[in-house]
Protein backbone atom coordinates (compact mmCIF):
# COMPACT_ATOMS: atom_id res chain seq x y z
CA MET A 1 0.00 0.00 0.00
CA ARG A 2 2.81 2.40 0.90
CA GLN A 3 4.44 1.88 -2.49
CA LEU A 4 1.17 2.86 -4.19
CA PHE A 5 0.94 6.08 -2.20
CA ASN A 6 4.59 6.86 -2.95
CA GLU A 7 3.63 6.93 -6.62
CA VAL A 8 1.24 9.84 -6.11
CA GLY A 9 2.88 11.77 -3.27
CA HIS A 10 5.13 11.66 -0.26
CA VAL A 11 4.59 9.16 2.53
CA LEU A 12 5.60 9.57 6.14
CA ALA A 13 5.11 6.54 8.38
CA LEU A 14 3.92 7.60 11.82
CA LYS A 15 4.76 5.55 14.90
CA SER A 16 1.29 5.80 16.40
CA GLU A 17 -2.16 7.06 15.60
CA ASP A 18 -1.72 9.80 18.21
CA GLU A 19 1.02 11.32 16.03
CA MET A 20 -1.64 12.02 13.41
CA HIS A 21 -2.84 15.02 15.44
CA ARG A 22 0.66 16.51 15.46
CA PHE A 23 1.06 15.73 11.76
CA THR A 24 -2.27 17.46 11.05
CA SER A 25 -1.11 20.57 12.92
CA ILE A 26 2.14 20.76 10.97
CA ILE A 27 1.13 19.67 7.48
CA GLY A 28 -2.55 20.57 7.54
CA SER A 29 -2.33 23.92 9.34
CA GLY A 30 1.32 24.87 8.88
CA GLN A 31 0.85 26.37 5.43
CA ALA A 32 -1.70 28.81 6.80
CA PHE A 33 0.78 29.89 9.49
CA LEU A 34 3.42 30.56 6.83
CA PHE A 35 0.85 32.35 4.67
CA GLN A 36 0.13 34.58 7.67
CA VAL A 37 3.84 35.44 7.90
CA LEU A 38 3.97 36.08 4.14
CA ASN A 39 0.87 38.26 4.43
CA THR A 40 2.69 40.43 6.96
CA TYR A 41 5.63 40.64 4.55
CA LEU A 42 3.30 41.71 1.73
CA GLN A 43 1.59 44.32 3.93
CA GLU A 44 4.98 45.83 4.81
CA LEU A 45 5.93 45.93 1.13
CA GLU A 46 2.63 47.65 0.29
CA LYS A 47 3.36 50.36 2.86
CA ILE A 48 6.34 51.57 0.87
CA ALA A 49 4.86 51.23 -2.62
CA SER A 50 1.09 51.32 -2.24
CA THR A 51 0.51 53.07 -5.56
CA ASP A 52 1.97 50.35 -7.77
CA GLN A 53 0.05 47.17 -6.99
CA VAL A 54 1.26 45.41 -10.16
CA ALA A 55 4.92 45.90 -9.19
CA ILE A 56 4.20 44.86 -5.61
CA LYS A 57 2.51 41.62 -6.69
CA SER A 58 5.34 40.85 -9.13
CA MET A 59 8.02 41.50 -6.50
CA PHE A 60 6.13 39.40 -3.99
CA GLN A 61 5.79 36.51 -6.43
CA ASP A 62 9.51 36.73 -7.19
CA PHE A 63 10.26 36.75 -3.47
CA VAL A 64 8.13 33.65 -2.78
CA SER A 65 9.61 31.86 -5.81
CA SER A 66 13.12 32.67 -4.61
CA LEU A 67 12.35 30.98 -1.29
CA GLY A 68 11.53 27.73 -3.07
CA ASP A 69 14.52 28.04 -5.39
CA SER A 70 16.86 28.69 -2.47
CA PHE A 71 15.51 25.71 -0.53
CA SER A 72 15.84 23.41 -3.53
CA GLN A 73 19.53 24.35 -3.77
CA GLU A 74 20.35 24.28 -0.05
CA GLN A 75 18.07 22.55 2.44
CA ASN A 76 19.85 23.73 5.57
CA PHE A 77 18.03 26.78 6.92
CA GLU A 78 20.97 27.93 9.03
CA SER A 79 23.13 27.97 5.92
CA LEU A 80 20.48 29.85 3.95
CA ILE A 81 20.15 32.42 6.73
CA ASN A 82 23.91 32.84 6.94
CA LYS A 83 24.07 33.53 3.20
CA ILE A 84 21.77 36.51 3.72
CA LYS A 85 22.87 38.01 7.01
CA SER A 86 26.06 39.81 7.79
CA PRO A 87 27.38 40.40 11.31
CA GLY A 88 26.02 43.67 12.66
CA GLY A 89 23.83 44.19 9.60
CA THR A 90 20.13 44.80 9.11
CA THR A 91 19.24 41.12 8.77
CA GLN A 92 21.13 40.30 11.96
CA ALA A 93 19.18 43.02 13.80
CA GLY A 94 15.88 41.64 12.53
CA LEU A 95 16.80 38.06 13.40
CA GLU A 96 17.75 39.14 16.91
CA SER A 97 14.36 40.83 17.26
CA LEU A 98 12.62 37.63 16.14
CA GLU A 99 14.62 35.68 18.71
CA GLU A 100 13.95 38.20 21.50
CA ASN A 101 10.23 38.06 20.70
CA ASN A 102 10.29 34.25 20.69
CA LEU A 103 9.09 33.66 17.14
CA ASP A 104 9.98 29.97 17.49
CA ARG A 105 7.82 29.68 20.62
CA ILE A 106 4.95 31.54 18.95
CA LEU A 107 4.94 29.10 16.02
CA GLN A 108 5.33 26.09 18.32
CA ASP A 109 2.33 27.32 20.32
CA ALA A 110 0.32 27.61 17.10
CA PHE A 111 1.19 24.02 16.22
CA ARG A 112 0.19 22.87 19.71
CA ALA A 113 -3.11 24.75 19.51
CA ALA A 114 -3.89 23.11 16.16
CA GLU A 115 -2.87 19.71 17.53
CA ASP A 116 -5.08 20.19 20.61
CA ARG A 117 -8.00 21.16 18.39
CA SER A 118 -7.41 18.08 16.23
CA ILE A 119 -7.66 15.93 19.36
CA GLU A 120 -10.83 17.75 20.45
CA ILE A 121 -12.41 17.24 17.03
CA SER A 122 -11.60 13.52 17.06
CA ASN A 123 -13.17 13.18 20.52
CA GLU A 124 -16.40 14.91 19.36
CA LYS A 125 -17.25 12.02 17.08
């Protein structure tokens, strides 16, 4: 059965049925969390160039495409980040702000909330 599913997509074998709730929070809900981050990015871009929506949309599409291209070339996020940031630079300052504001914890909490809701939904049946 697994071989059949591998033909049409990617398969991840879970150790227990309980892991399905965590999987749902990451794969099922995770895209929406990233879209929320990208929406904030787009809103910030629009603040500096609100009169040229065509250019904004094109730049945004290029930006999102470049993320996928970068990841396909180098799948280590630390390496990708290090290619962009320079010590004492603007990116470093922004990354430090994200760390100080616990972005990792915020996203982990979102995954936990989605996982908890998945468990609640399964218990409602």
